[in-house]
């Protein structure tokens, strides 16, 4: 699943579950400003996605999203699921930048 900022026609935040290489917009909301905070909460295989422009002022992007597409049993084999941040200009030269100040992961699994 990807959380994407699109710039055209108006800046928006989109949640895209990439399942078969096609973009299907699961949720979209307009955004303003140039600093964003993102949060993902998991309950089993159900995920909720939030964003904010100020710390702790969370607004839901999508709640109760079925995350089974990330599971090995659903895909029929290893899916290589990772969590992290990245920026892309979709293979094209770009002048935009992305600055990630921090990334925090709180795992609930026993290792």
PDB file of N, CA and C in Angstrom:
ATOM      1  N   UNK A   1       0.845  -1.161   0.000  1.00  0.00           N
ATOM      2  CA  UNK A   1       0.000   0.000   0.000  1.00  0.00           C
ATOM      3  C   UNK A   1       0.890   1.222   0.000  1.00  0.00           C
ATOM      4  N   UNK A   2       0.484   2.212  -0.733  1.00  0.00           N
ATOM      5  CA  UNK A   2       1.263   3.445  -0.824  1.00  0.00           C
ATOM      6  C   UNK A   2       0.404   4.632  -0.443  1.00  0.00           C
ATOM      7  N   UNK A   3       0.993   5.567   0.268  1.00  0.00           N
ATOM      8  CA  UNK A   3       0.370   6.842   0.576  1.00  0.00           C
ATOM      9  C   UNK A   3       1.090   7.856  -0.291  1.00  0.00           C
ATOM     10  N   UNK A   4       0.381   8.474  -1.235  1.00  0.00           N
ATOM     11  CA  UNK A   4       1.002   9.261  -2.293  1.00  0.00           C
ATOM     12  C   UNK A   4       0.478  10.685  -2.283  1.00  0.00           C
ATOM     13  N   UNK A   5       1.380  11.647  -2.459  1.00  0.00           N
ATOM     14  CA  UNK A   5       0.956  13.038  -2.647  1.00  0.00           C
ATOM     15  C   UNK A   5       0.968  13.315  -4.144  1.00  0.00           C
ATOM     16  N   UNK A   6      -0.167  13.665  -4.676  1.00  0.00           N
ATOM     17  CA  UNK A   6      -0.285  14.041  -6.084  1.00  0.00           C
ATOM     18  C   UNK A   6      -0.377  15.553  -6.169  1.00  0.00           C
ATOM     19  N   UNK A   7       0.193  16.140  -7.197  1.00  0.00           N
ATOM     20  CA  UNK A   7       0.232  17.604  -7.317  1.00  0.00           C
ATOM     21  C   UNK A   7      -0.754  18.158  -8.326  1.00  0.00           C
ATOM     22  N   UNK A   8      -1.413  17.313  -9.092  1.00  0.00           N
ATOM     23  CA  UNK A   8      -2.299  17.832 -10.117  1.00  0.00           C
ATOM     24  C   UNK A   8      -3.680  17.228  -9.961  1.00  0.00           C
ATOM     25  N   UNK A   9      -4.742  17.938 -10.194  1.00  0.00           N
ATOM     26  CA  UNK A   9      -4.762  19.389 -10.393  1.00  0.00           C
ATOM     27  C   UNK A   9      -4.529  20.145  -9.093  1.00  0.00           C
ATOM     28  N   UNK A  10      -4.974  19.617  -7.955  1.00  0.00           N
ATOM     29  CA  UNK A  10      -4.732  20.219  -6.640  1.00  0.00           C
ATOM     30  C   UNK A  10      -3.981  19.198  -5.793  1.00  0.00           C
ATOM     31  N   UNK A  11      -3.116  19.650  -4.888  1.00  0.00           N
ATOM     32  CA  UNK A  11      -2.406  18.685  -4.045  1.00  0.00           C
ATOM     33  C   UNK A  11      -3.384  17.818  -3.253  1.00  0.00           C
ATOM     34  N   UNK A  12      -3.140  16.525  -3.280  1.00  0.00           N
ATOM     35  CA  UNK A  12      -3.987  15.609  -2.527  1.00  0.00           C
ATOM     36  C   UNK A  12      -3.149  14.440  -2.037  1.00  0.00           C
ATOM     37  N   UNK A  13      -3.665  13.773  -1.032  1.00  0.00           N
ATOM     38  CA  UNK A  13      -3.047  12.590  -0.476  1.00  0.00           C
ATOM     39  C   UNK A  13      -3.904  11.416  -0.898  1.00  0.00           C
ATOM     40  N   UNK A  14      -3.285  10.387  -1.483  1.00  0.00           N
ATOM     41  CA  UNK A  14      -4.035   9.234  -1.953  1.00  0.00           C
ATOM     42  C   UNK A  14      -3.484   7.965  -1.325  1.00  0.00           C
ATOM     43  N   UNK A  15      -4.371   7.045  -0.993  1.00  0.00           N
ATOM     44  CA  UNK A  15      -3.990   5.730  -0.504  1.00  0.00           C
ATOM     45  C   UNK A  15      -4.223   4.743  -1.635  1.00  0.00           C
ATOM     46  N   UNK A  16      -3.144   4.088  -2.069  1.00  0.00           N
ATOM     47  CA  UNK A  16      -3.207   3.185  -3.214  1.00  0.00           C
ATOM     48  C   UNK A  16      -2.807   1.776  -2.791  1.00  0.00           C
ATOM     49  N   UNK A  17      -3.721   0.804  -2.843  1.00  0.00           N
ATOM     50  CA  UNK A  17      -3.321  -0.583  -2.606  1.00  0.00           C
ATOM     51  C   UNK A  17      -2.814  -1.177  -3.920  1.00  0.00           C
ATOM     52  N   UNK A  18      -1.517  -1.347  -4.035  1.00  0.00           N
ATOM     53  CA  UNK A  18      -0.930  -1.861  -5.275  1.00  0.00           C
ATOM     54  C   UNK A  18      -0.994  -3.379  -5.220  1.00  0.00           C
ATOM     55  N   UNK A  19      -1.922  -3.951  -5.978  1.00  0.00           N
ATOM     56  CA  UNK A  19      -2.127  -5.394  -5.920  1.00  0.00           C
ATOM     57  C   UNK A  19      -1.673  -6.076  -7.202  1.00  0.00           C
ATOM     58  N   UNK A  20      -2.019  -5.547  -8.336  1.00  0.00           N
ATOM     59  CA  UNK A  20      -1.656  -6.185  -9.602  1.00  0.00           C
ATOM     60  C   UNK A  20      -0.920  -5.218 -10.509  1.00  0.00           C
ATOM     61  N   UNK A  21      -0.268  -4.214  -9.919  1.00  0.00           N
ATOM     62  CA  UNK A  21       0.463  -3.245 -10.717  1.00  0.00           C
ATOM     63  C   UNK A  21      -0.399  -2.107 -11.219  1.00  0.00           C
ATOM     64  N   UNK A  22      -1.666  -2.077 -10.850  1.00  0.00           N
ATOM     65  CA  UNK A  22      -2.542  -0.993 -11.278  1.00  0.00           C
ATOM     66  C   UNK A  22      -2.852  -0.093 -10.086  1.00  0.00           C
ATOM     67  N   UNK A  23      -2.993   1.186 -10.356  1.00  0.00           N
ATOM     68  CA  UNK A  23      -3.333   2.142  -9.308  1.00  0.00           C
ATOM     69  C   UNK A  23      -4.845   2.234  -9.159  1.00  0.00           C
ATOM     70  N   UNK A  24      -5.335   1.886  -8.002  1.00  0.00           N
ATOM     71  CA  UNK A  24      -6.739   2.054  -7.648  1.00  0.00           C
ATOM     72  C   UNK A  24      -6.745   2.921  -6.399  1.00  0.00           C
ATOM     73  N   UNK A  25      -7.393   4.067  -6.458  1.00  0.00           N
ATOM     74  CA  UNK A  25      -7.399   4.971  -5.317  1.00  0.00           C
ATOM     75  C   UNK A  25      -8.406   4.483  -4.288  1.00  0.00           C
ATOM     76  N   UNK A  26      -7.897   4.090  -3.120  1.00  0.00           N
ATOM     77  CA  UNK A  26      -8.748   3.610  -2.040  1.00  0.00           C
ATOM     78  C   UNK A  26      -9.328   4.770  -1.241  1.00  0.00           C
ATOM     79  N   UNK A  27      -8.532   5.830  -1.072  1.00  0.00           N
ATOM     80  CA  UNK A  27      -8.976   7.021  -0.346  1.00  0.00           C
ATOM     81  C   UNK A  27      -8.183   8.212  -0.850  1.00  0.00           C
ATOM     82  N   UNK A  28      -8.802   9.388  -0.782  1.00  0.00           N
ATOM     83  CA  UNK A  28      -8.130  10.609  -1.220  1.00  0.00           C
ATOM     84  C   UNK A  28      -8.633  11.776  -0.387  1.00  0.00           C
ATOM     85  N   UNK A  29      -7.718  12.670  -0.038  1.00  0.00           N
ATOM     86  CA  UNK A  29      -8.113  13.882   0.681  1.00  0.00           C
ATOM     87  C   UNK A  29      -7.206  15.018   0.253  1.00  0.00           C
ATOM     88  N   UNK A  30      -7.745  16.232   0.130  1.00  0.00           N
ATOM     89  CA  UNK A  30      -6.914  17.388  -0.220  1.00  0.00           C
ATOM     90  C   UNK A  30      -5.964  17.722   0.925  1.00  0.00           C
ATOM     91  N   UNK A  31      -4.788  18.234   0.584  1.00  0.00           N
ATOM     92  CA  UNK A  31      -3.818  18.617   1.608  1.00  0.00           C
ATOM     93  C   UNK A  31      -3.260  19.995   1.296  1.00  0.00           C
ATOM     94  N   UNK A  32      -2.805  20.666   2.335  1.00  0.00           N
ATOM     95  CA  UNK A  32      -2.209  21.991   2.199  1.00  0.00           C
ATOM     96  C   UNK A  32      -0.907  22.016   2.981  1.00  0.00           C
ATOM     97  N   UNK A  33      -0.090  23.018   2.694  1.00  0.00           N
ATOM     98  CA  UNK A  33       1.159  23.182   3.424  1.00  0.00           C
ATOM     99  C   UNK A  33       2.280  22.365   2.825  1.00  0.00           C
ATOM    100  N   UNK A  34       3.414  22.347   3.525  1.00  0.00           N
ATOM    101  CA  UNK A  34       4.556  21.602   3.010  1.00  0.00           C
ATOM    102  C   UNK A  34       5.181  20.685   4.058  1.00  0.00           C
ATOM    103  N   UNK A  35       4.529  20.511   5.192  1.00  0.00           N
ATOM    104  CA  UNK A  35       4.997  19.573   6.211  1.00  0.00           C
ATOM    105  C   UNK A  35       3.842  18.640   6.552  1.00  0.00           C
ATOM    106  N   UNK A  36       4.129  17.332   6.505  1.00  0.00           N
ATOM    107  CA  UNK A  36       3.082  16.340   6.712  1.00  0.00           C
ATOM    108  C   UNK A  36       3.546  15.288   7.705  1.00  0.00           C
ATOM    109  N   UNK A  37       2.617  14.795   8.478  1.00  0.00           N
ATOM    110  CA  UNK A  37       2.861  13.697   9.402  1.00  0.00           C
ATOM    111  C   UNK A  37       1.936  12.558   8.988  1.00  0.00           C
ATOM    112  N   UNK A  38       2.449  11.332   9.051  1.00  0.00           N
ATOM    113  CA  UNK A  38       1.673  10.164   8.665  1.00  0.00           C
ATOM    114  C   UNK A  38       1.723   9.128   9.779  1.00  0.00           C
ATOM    115  N   UNK A  39       0.631   8.399   9.925  1.00  0.00           N
ATOM    116  CA  UNK A  39       0.567   7.345  10.935  1.00  0.00           C
ATOM    117  C   UNK A  39      -0.247   6.192  10.374  1.00  0.00           C
ATOM    118  N   UNK A  40       0.223   4.972  10.640  1.00  0.00           N
ATOM    119  CA  UNK A  40      -0.506   3.762  10.273  1.00  0.00           C
ATOM    120  C   UNK A  40      -0.686   2.950  11.546  1.00  0.00           C
ATOM    121  N   UNK A  41      -1.910   2.531  11.810  1.00  0.00           N
ATOM    122  CA  UNK A  41      -2.203   1.665  12.951  1.00  0.00           C
ATOM    123  C   UNK A  41      -2.716   0.336  12.420  1.00  0.00           C
ATOM    124  N   UNK A  42      -2.268  -0.749  13.044  1.00  0.00           N
ATOM    125  CA  UNK A  42      -2.689  -2.084  12.620  1.00  0.00           C
ATOM    126  C   UNK A  42      -3.415  -2.781  13.755  1.00  0.00           C
ATOM    127  N   UNK A  43      -4.455  -3.507  13.387  1.00  0.00           N
ATOM    128  CA  UNK A  43      -5.170  -4.384  14.305  1.00  0.00           C
ATOM    129  C   UNK A  43      -5.328  -5.700  13.562  1.00  0.00           C
ATOM    130  N   UNK A  44      -4.411  -6.627  13.810  1.00  0.00           N
ATOM    131  CA  UNK A  44      -4.384  -7.847  13.015  1.00  0.00           C
ATOM    132  C   UNK A  44      -4.017  -7.493  11.583  1.00  0.00           C
ATOM    133  N   UNK A  45      -4.883  -7.835  10.644  1.00  0.00           N
ATOM    134  CA  UNK A  45      -4.639  -7.509   9.241  1.00  0.00           C
ATOM    135  C   UNK A  45      -5.523  -6.358   8.766  1.00  0.00           C
ATOM    136  N   UNK A  46      -5.964  -5.539   9.694  1.00  0.00           N
ATOM    137  CA  UNK A  46      -6.760  -4.360   9.369  1.00  0.00           C
ATOM    138  C   UNK A  46      -5.936  -3.125   9.701  1.00  0.00           C
ATOM    139  N   UNK A  47      -5.862  -2.190   8.753  1.00  0.00           N
ATOM    140  CA  UNK A  47      -5.017  -1.008   8.907  1.00  0.00           C
ATOM    141  C   UNK A  47      -5.844   0.268   8.836  1.00  0.00           C
ATOM    142  N   UNK A  48      -5.401   1.261   9.581  1.00  0.00           N
ATOM    143  CA  UNK A  48      -5.994   2.597   9.518  1.00  0.00           C
ATOM    144  C   UNK A  48      -4.866   3.582   9.254  1.00  0.00           C
ATOM    145  N   UNK A  49      -5.112   4.529   8.342  1.00  0.00           N
ATOM    146  CA  UNK A  49      -4.111   5.488   7.895  1.00  0.00           C
ATOM    147  C   UNK A  49      -4.553   6.894   8.274  1.00  0.00           C
ATOM    148  N   UNK A  50      -3.611   7.679   8.794  1.00  0.00           N
ATOM    149  CA  UNK A  50      -3.908   9.033   9.252  1.00  0.00           C
ATOM    150  C   UNK A  50      -2.839   9.993   8.745  1.00  0.00           C
ATOM    151  N   UNK A  51      -3.212  11.254   8.624  1.00  0.00           N
ATOM    152  CA  UNK A  51      -2.222  12.287   8.332  1.00  0.00           C
ATOM    153  C   UNK A  51      -2.533  13.512   9.173  1.00  0.00           C
ATOM    154  N   UNK A  52      -1.540  14.397   9.277  1.00  0.00           N
ATOM    155  CA  UNK A  52      -1.689  15.641  10.032  1.00  0.00           C
ATOM    156  C   UNK A  52      -0.701  16.658   9.480  1.00  0.00           C
ATOM    157  N   UNK A  53      -1.011  17.924   9.668  1.00  0.00           N
ATOM    158  CA  UNK A  53      -0.059  18.982   9.326  1.00  0.00           C
ATOM    159  C   UNK A  53       0.579  19.547  10.589  1.00  0.00           C
ATOM    160  N   UNK A  54       0.058  19.163  11.740  1.00  0.00           N
ATOM    161  CA  UNK A  54       0.626  19.511  13.050  1.00  0.00           C
ATOM    162  C   UNK A  54       0.740  18.217  13.852  1.00  0.00           C
ATOM    163  N   UNK A  55       1.783  18.078  14.668  1.00  0.00           N
ATOM    164  CA  UNK A  55       1.927  16.851  15.456  1.00  0.00           C
ATOM    165  C   UNK A  55       0.675  16.564  16.293  1.00  0.00           C
ATOM    166  N   UNK A  56       0.260  15.312  16.260  1.00  0.00           N
ATOM    167  CA  UNK A  56      -0.858  14.810  17.067  1.00  0.00           C
ATOM    168  C   UNK A  56      -2.232  15.344  16.671  1.00  0.00           C
ATOM    169  N   UNK A  57      -2.351  16.041  15.550  1.00  0.00           N
ATOM    170  CA  UNK A  57      -3.661  16.520  15.067  1.00  0.00           C
ATOM    171  C   UNK A  57      -4.138  15.588  13.954  1.00  0.00           C
ATOM    172  N   UNK A  58      -4.238  14.303  14.259  1.00  0.00           N
ATOM    173  CA  UNK A  58      -4.488  13.269  13.260  1.00  0.00           C
ATOM    174  C   UNK A  58      -5.882  13.355  12.647  1.00  0.00           C
ATOM    175  N   UNK A  59      -5.922  13.216  11.325  1.00  0.00           N
ATOM    176  CA  UNK A  59      -7.162  13.142  10.557  1.00  0.00           C
ATOM    177  C   UNK A  59      -7.144  11.824   9.789  1.00  0.00           C
ATOM    178  N   UNK A  60      -8.240  11.075   9.798  1.00  0.00           N
ATOM    179  CA  UNK A  60      -8.231   9.796   9.085  1.00  0.00           C
ATOM    180  C   UNK A  60      -8.183   9.986   7.570  1.00  0.00           C
ATOM    181  N   UNK A  61      -7.341   9.200   6.929  1.00  0.00           N
ATOM    182  CA  UNK A  61      -7.333   9.100   5.464  1.00  0.00           C
ATOM    183  C   UNK A  61      -8.219   7.922   5.081  1.00  0.00           C
ATOM    184  N   UNK A  62      -8.011   6.791   5.746  1.00  0.00           N
ATOM    185  CA  UNK A  62      -8.846   5.602   5.553  1.00  0.00           C
ATOM    186  C   UNK A  62      -8.725   4.748   6.805  1.00  0.00           C
ATOM    187  N   UNK A  63      -9.839   4.217   7.269  1.00  0.00           N
ATOM    188  CA  UNK A  63      -9.839   3.374   8.463  1.00  0.00           C
ATOM    189  C   UNK A  63     -10.431   2.016   8.125  1.00  0.00           C
ATOM    190  N   UNK A  64      -9.946   0.991   8.810  1.00  0.00           N
ATOM    191  CA  UNK A  64     -10.478  -0.354   8.622  1.00  0.00           C
ATOM    192  C   UNK A  64     -10.143  -0.964   7.278  1.00  0.00           C
ATOM    193  N   UNK A  65      -8.955  -0.674   6.751  1.00  0.00           N
ATOM    194  CA  UNK A  65      -8.555  -1.177   5.432  1.00  0.00           C
ATOM    195  C   UNK A  65      -8.081  -2.626   5.555  1.00  0.00           C
ATOM    196  N   UNK A  66      -8.599  -3.488   4.694  1.00  0.00           N
ATOM    197  CA  UNK A  66      -8.210  -4.897   4.678  1.00  0.00           C
ATOM    198  C   UNK A  66      -6.774  -5.010   4.164  1.00  0.00           C
ATOM    199  N   UNK A  67      -5.881  -5.506   5.000  1.00  0.00           N
ATOM    200  CA  UNK A  67      -4.479  -5.618   4.624  1.00  0.00           C
ATOM    201  C   UNK A  67      -4.061  -7.013   4.214  1.00  0.00           C
ATOM    202  N   UNK A  68      -5.013  -7.890   3.923  1.00  0.00           N
ATOM    203  CA  UNK A  68      -4.656  -9.264   3.553  1.00  0.00           C
ATOM    204  C   UNK A  68      -3.834  -9.343   2.279  1.00  0.00           C
ATOM    205  N   UNK A  69      -3.883  -8.312   1.417  1.00  0.00           N
ATOM    206  CA  UNK A  69      -3.069  -8.357   0.195  1.00  0.00           C
ATOM    207  C   UNK A  69      -1.579  -8.359   0.535  1.00  0.00           C
ATOM    208  N   UNK A  70      -1.236  -7.995   1.776  1.00  0.00           N
ATOM    209  CA  UNK A  70       0.161  -7.990   2.207  1.00  0.00           C
ATOM    210  C   UNK A  70       0.606  -9.337   2.760  1.00  0.00           C
ATOM    211  N   UNK A  71      -0.309 -10.298   2.855  1.00  0.00           N
ATOM    212  CA  UNK A  71       0.018 -11.577   3.481  1.00  0.00           C
ATOM    213  C   UNK A  71       0.480 -12.607   2.459  1.00  0.00           C
ATOM    214  N   UNK A  72       1.353 -13.489   2.919  1.00  0.00           N
ATOM    215  CA  UNK A  72       1.874 -14.557   2.076  1.00  0.00           C
ATOM    216  C   UNK A  72       0.760 -15.498   1.636  1.00  0.00           C
ATOM    217  N   UNK A  73      -0.179 -15.800   2.533  1.00  0.00           N
ATOM    218  CA  UNK A  73      -1.253 -16.736   2.181  1.00  0.00           C
ATOM    219  C   UNK A  73      -2.165 -16.173   1.100  1.00  0.00           C
ATOM    220  N   UNK A  74      -2.424 -14.877   1.115  1.00  0.00           N
ATOM    221  CA  UNK A  74      -3.275 -14.256   0.098  1.00  0.00           C
ATOM    222  C   UNK A  74      -2.571 -14.246  -1.257  1.00  0.00           C
ATOM    223  N   UNK A  75      -1.283 -13.916  -1.255  1.00  0.00           N
ATOM    224  CA  UNK A  75      -0.530 -13.790  -2.504  1.00  0.00           C
ATOM    225  C   UNK A  75      -0.092 -15.137  -3.064  1.00  0.00           C
ATOM    226  N   UNK A  76      -0.136 -16.182  -2.239  1.00  0.00           N
ATOM    227  CA  UNK A  76       0.280 -17.492  -2.710  1.00  0.00           C
ATOM    228  C   UNK A  76       1.786 -17.694  -2.658  1.00  0.00           C
ATOM    229  N   UNK A  77       2.488 -16.873  -1.944  1.00  0.00           N
ATOM    230  CA  UNK A  77       3.942 -16.979  -1.805  1.00  0.00           C
ATOM    231  C   UNK A  77       4.489 -15.746  -1.126  1.00  0.00           C
ATOM    232  N   UNK A  78       5.798 -15.700  -0.993  1.00  0.00           N
ATOM    233  CA  UNK A  78       6.458 -14.588  -0.314  1.00  0.00           C
ATOM    234  C   UNK A  78       6.161 -13.275  -1.024  1.00  0.00           C
ATOM    235  N   UNK A  79       5.734 -12.266  -0.279  1.00  0.00           N
ATOM    236  CA  UNK A  79       5.397 -10.969  -0.877  1.00  0.00           C
ATOM    237  C   UNK A  79       6.476  -9.920  -0.650  1.00  0.00           C
ATOM    238  N   UNK A  80       7.434 -10.191   0.230  1.00  0.00           N
ATOM    239  CA  UNK A  80       8.522  -9.238   0.457  1.00  0.00           C
ATOM    240  C   UNK A  80       8.055  -7.923   1.034  1.00  0.00           C
ATOM    241  N   UNK A  81       7.058  -7.966   1.906  1.00  0.00           N
ATOM    242  CA  UNK A  81       6.498  -6.742   2.464  1.00  0.00           C
ATOM    243  C   UNK A  81       7.497  -6.059   3.384  1.00  0.00           C
ATOM    244  N   UNK A  82       7.694  -4.778   3.144  1.00  0.00           N
ATOM    245  CA  UNK A  82       8.569  -3.946   3.963  1.00  0.00           C
ATOM    246  C   UNK A  82       7.797  -2.712   4.395  1.00  0.00           C
ATOM    247  N   UNK A  83       8.298  -2.067   5.433  1.00  0.00           N
ATOM    248  CA  UNK A  83       7.732  -0.790   5.836  1.00  0.00           C
ATOM    249  C   UNK A  83       8.858   0.228   5.794  1.00  0.00           C
ATOM    250  N   UNK A  84       8.574   1.402   5.272  1.00  0.00           N
ATOM    251  CA  UNK A  84       9.590   2.442   5.197  1.00  0.00           C
ATOM    252  C   UNK A  84       9.070   3.632   4.420  1.00  0.00           C
ATOM    253  N   UNK A  85       9.950   4.588   4.225  1.00  0.00           N
ATOM    254  CA  UNK A  85       9.572   5.807   3.508  1.00  0.00           C
ATOM    255  C   UNK A  85      10.433   5.930   2.259  1.00  0.00           C
ATOM    256  N   UNK A  86       9.842   6.447   1.205  1.00  0.00           N
ATOM    257  CA  UNK A  86      10.604   6.721   0.001  1.00  0.00           C
ATOM    258  C   UNK A  86       9.900   7.816  -0.776  1.00  0.00           C
ATOM    259  N   UNK A  87      10.618   8.408  -1.691  1.00  0.00           N
ATOM    260  CA  UNK A  87      10.045   9.428  -2.573  1.00  0.00           C
ATOM    261  C   UNK A  87      10.366   9.038  -4.005  1.00  0.00           C
ATOM    262  N   UNK A  88       9.469   9.349  -4.914  1.00  0.00           N
ATOM    263  CA  UNK A  88       9.655   8.978  -6.310  1.00  0.00           C
ATOM    264  C   UNK A  88       9.092  10.054  -7.220  1.00  0.00           C
ATOM    265  N   UNK A  89       9.728  10.232  -8.356  1.00  0.00           N
ATOM    266  CA  UNK A  89       9.167  11.090  -9.401  1.00  0.00           C
ATOM    267  C   UNK A  89       8.742  10.219 -10.579  1.00  0.00           C
ATOM    268  N   UNK A  90       8.403   8.963 -10.269  1.00  0.00           N
ATOM    269  CA  UNK A  90       7.919   8.000 -11.258  1.00  0.00           C
ATOM    270  C   UNK A  90       8.871   7.830 -12.428  1.00  0.00           C
ATOM    271  N   UNK A  91      10.171   7.777 -12.145  1.00  0.00           N
ATOM    272  CA  UNK A  91      11.162   7.525 -13.180  1.00  0.00           C
ATOM    273  C   UNK A  91      11.509   8.714 -14.042  1.00  0.00           C
ATOM    274  N   UNK A  92      10.980   9.870 -13.720  1.00  0.00           N
ATOM    275  CA  UNK A  92      11.233  11.075 -14.503  1.00  0.00           C
ATOM    276  C   UNK A  92      12.100  12.035 -13.698  1.00  0.00           C
ATOM    277  N   UNK A  93      12.919  12.858 -14.380  1.00  0.00           N
ATOM    278  CA  UNK A  93      13.678  13.881 -13.651  1.00  0.00           C
ATOM    279  C   UNK A  93      12.719  14.827 -12.934  1.00  0.00           C
ATOM    280  N   UNK A  94      13.083  15.251 -11.737  1.00  0.00           N
ATOM    281  CA  UNK A  94      12.224  16.151 -10.977  1.00  0.00           C
ATOM    282  C   UNK A  94      13.044  17.096 -10.129  1.00  0.00           C
ATOM    283  N   UNK A  95      12.465  18.225  -9.808  1.00  0.00           N
ATOM    284  CA  UNK A  95      13.139  19.225  -8.981  1.00  0.00           C
ATOM    285  C   UNK A  95      12.626  19.207  -7.546  1.00  0.00           C
ATOM    286  N   UNK A  96      11.614  18.388  -7.259  1.00  0.00           N
ATOM    287  CA  UNK A  96      11.063  18.321  -5.908  1.00  0.00           C
ATOM    288  C   UNK A  96      12.004  17.568  -4.982  1.00  0.00           C
ATOM    289  N   UNK A  97      11.870  17.829  -3.710  1.00  0.00           N
ATOM    290  CA  UNK A  97      12.660  17.112  -2.715  1.00  0.00           C
ATOM    291  C   UNK A  97      11.733  16.552  -1.647  1.00  0.00           C
ATOM    292  N   UNK A  98      12.212  15.555  -0.940  1.00  0.00           N
ATOM    293  CA  UNK A  98      11.493  14.993   0.203  1.00  0.00           C
ATOM    294  C   UNK A  98      12.476  14.916   1.354  1.00  0.00           C
ATOM    295  N   UNK A  99      12.099  15.438   2.496  1.00  0.00           N
ATOM    296  CA  UNK A  99      12.954  15.449   3.678  1.00  0.00           C
ATOM    297  C   UNK A  99      12.231  14.703   4.786  1.00  0.00           C
ATOM    298  N   UNK A 100      12.756  13.562   5.178  1.00  0.00           N
ATOM    299  CA  UNK A 100      12.155  12.762   6.234  1.00  0.00           C
ATOM    300  C   UNK A 100      12.902  13.047   7.524  1.00  0.00           C
ATOM    301  N   UNK A 101      12.232  13.660   8.485  1.00  0.00           N
ATOM    302  CA  UNK A 101      12.873  14.003   9.751  1.00  0.00           C
ATOM    303  C   UNK A 101      13.031  12.799  10.672  1.00  0.00           C
ATOM    304  N   UNK A 102      12.048  11.911  10.671  1.00  0.00           N
ATOM    305  CA  UNK A 102      12.170  10.724  11.507  1.00  0.00           C
ATOM    306  C   UNK A 102      11.211   9.655  11.030  1.00  0.00           C
ATOM    307  N   UNK A 103      11.519   8.444  11.434  1.00  0.00           N
ATOM    308  CA  UNK A 103      10.671   7.290  11.175  1.00  0.00           C
ATOM    309  C   UNK A 103      10.674   6.476  12.458  1.00  0.00           C
ATOM    310  N   UNK A 104       9.512   6.162  12.949  1.00  0.00           N
ATOM    311  CA  UNK A 104       9.417   5.404  14.195  1.00  0.00           C
ATOM    312  C   UNK A 104       8.506   4.214  13.980  1.00  0.00           C
ATOM    313  N   UNK A 105       8.973   3.061  14.361  1.00  0.00           N
ATOM    314  CA  UNK A 105       8.185   1.841  14.257  1.00  0.00           C
ATOM    315  C   UNK A 105       8.087   1.216  15.638  1.00  0.00           C
ATOM    316  N   UNK A 106       6.892   0.957  16.068  1.00  0.00           N
ATOM    317  CA  UNK A 106       6.676   0.282  17.337  1.00  0.00           C
ATOM    318  C   UNK A 106       6.083  -1.078  17.030  1.00  0.00           C
ATOM    319  N   UNK A 107       6.908  -2.090  17.081  1.00  0.00           N
ATOM    320  CA  UNK A 107       6.449  -3.437  16.778  1.00  0.00           C
ATOM    321  C   UNK A 107       5.770  -4.070  17.975  1.00  0.00           C
ATOM    322  N   UNK A 108       4.757  -4.842  17.722  1.00  0.00           N
ATOM    323  CA  UNK A 108       4.038  -5.519  18.794  1.00  0.00           C
ATOM    324  C   UNK A 108       4.342  -7.010  18.814  1.00  0.00           C
ATOM    325  N   UNK A 109       5.103  -7.478  17.808  1.00  0.00           N
ATOM    326  CA  UNK A 109       5.442  -8.894  17.738  1.00  0.00           C
ATOM    327  C   UNK A 109       6.586  -9.213  18.691  1.00  0.00           C
ATOM    328  N   UNK A 110       6.520 -10.381  19.304  1.00  0.00           N
ATOM    329  CA  UNK A 110       7.644 -10.844  20.106  1.00  0.00           C
ATOM    330  C   UNK A 110       8.673 -11.436  19.164  1.00  0.00           C
ATOM    331  N   UNK A 111       9.919 -11.090  19.390  1.00  0.00           N
ATOM    332  CA  UNK A 111      10.994 -11.600  18.518  1.00  0.00           C
ATOM    333  C   UNK A 111      11.760 -12.667  19.260  1.00  0.00           C
TER     334      UNK A 111
END
